[in-house]
Amino acid sequence: MTPDRTMMDRRTLLTTGGVATLTGLAGCDETTMKSVQARLNPTQASGGAGAAVPAAPTTAAAGEASAVSATVRMPSEPWTFARFNTAMSASQRPHSITETQFTEIQARKPAAIERIRTYLDGRFGAHDPNVIQAFESLPREYFHYAYASDASTAYQAYEANPKPWAIGHGSVLSDYLGQAYMTQLAAPKPTDVTLEIGTGSGFQSSLLSRVVRDSYTIEIIQPIGEAVGKIWAPLGYDNVHGKVGDGYFGWPEVTEGFDTIMLTCVAQYAPPELFRQLKPGGKLIIPIGQPFRRGQVLYVYTKDADGRVHSRRDVGVFFIPMTGAMQNRPQPA
C-alpha cells in the first residue's frame, strides 16, 4: 500500500470478499461541518483566540502516574442495563433508552468488533489484539450522547455502516473504524503516556486508556469538555485525565512528556510545543490540511533518541478544524 495516494472514504465498507478497503477518518458530517464553520473560534470570548477557556475539573493532578497494567484493562463486572443506568445518572446525562433497546445494542456489538478486526487485518496485515480487546472492553453506546439537547443517542451504536455522529456544540464522535486505525497506528504499550488533542465524545482517549498507563485529553469547546469530563469516573476509568483548553500548547504540566500525541482535528501545521512535549522515540499523529477542504493528510512524526524529528505521510483524511491559537498564529519558519 502507498498510504498517501488514496483518500479514505468513510462511506466505503468492507468488500464482500472480506478484504478491508479504506474507510473514513472523517471528523464530521455535512450538517456538523456547517455548524462548526459558523463558530470556528470558541475561545475569542474568553480572552482572545489563543487563550484557553476555564478548565473543567480533571480526574488527576497533572503528572500523577497511574499504575501500569500488564494486560488490557477489562471491566470488573458485566455491563448490564442496570450498570448503564447507574453510570448515565452518575455522569449527569439523562436518557430514555429502554432495556429492549439496550439489548438490541449489545446484540450488534460482536459484528462491529469483527468488522474492526477484519479492517485492521486488511490495513496493517494483522490486527493488534490489544486494540480489539480495548474495543471489546468499552461500552460505545455510553459515548453516544447529544450534549446540546441532553439526549442519549445510544441506539445508534455499532452501526453496520460506520460513520461520524454529531454530539452537539459542533463536536462529533468519530467512526469506529477510523478510531481503530488511529489507535493501531499509535501502537500503544502498557507503559505509555498519551495525549489526545480534541476530546470530543471521550471515546478515543478512553480507548487508549484501556492499554496505556495514562491517557490525557484536551478539549477546546467548553460545554463539551466540561460535560465529557464527568463520564470517566462512573466507569472506573481512573487513568484518563481531561481538561478544557487549547491543545495547541499541549499539556506542559505533564513534565515527563508523552509517548504518543494524537490530534483528532485537522491542523494547518504541527504546533512546535507538541514536539517539545514528545518523548524520544515518541510519535505525533496529526491530520494536516486546510479547514473544510479535501486534501487533508494524516502525518506521522517520530522523534529519535537524539531528538531529531522525522515525518511521513500516511493516508488522506477529513477532520473538523483545530481552533484557537492555530487559527491566528503563523506557521513557524
Foldseek 3Di string as FASTA:
>chain_A
DAFAPDAADQQDAADPVLAADGHALAFDDPVLLVLCVVVVQPCCVPPHLAWFHAKADKLDPAQDWFDFDQAFDAAPDDDAPVLLVVLCVQLVFDEDDDNVLVVVLVVLVVVLLVRLQSNCCNPPVGADVRLSRLSVRDLVQSLQAQLVVRYRPSSCPNDPRFAWDHNYPSGIDGTPSSLSVVLVVQVAARAFEEEEEACGSVPSQSSSLSGYRAGEYEHQRVSRQNSSSRNCVSRVSSRYIYITTACLQPDCSNPVAGQEYEYSAEFQDRRPNNLVRHDAQHKYWHWHDDAPDWPIWTKIWHAHPVRDIDIDTGHTHHYHHRTGPRVPDDDDD
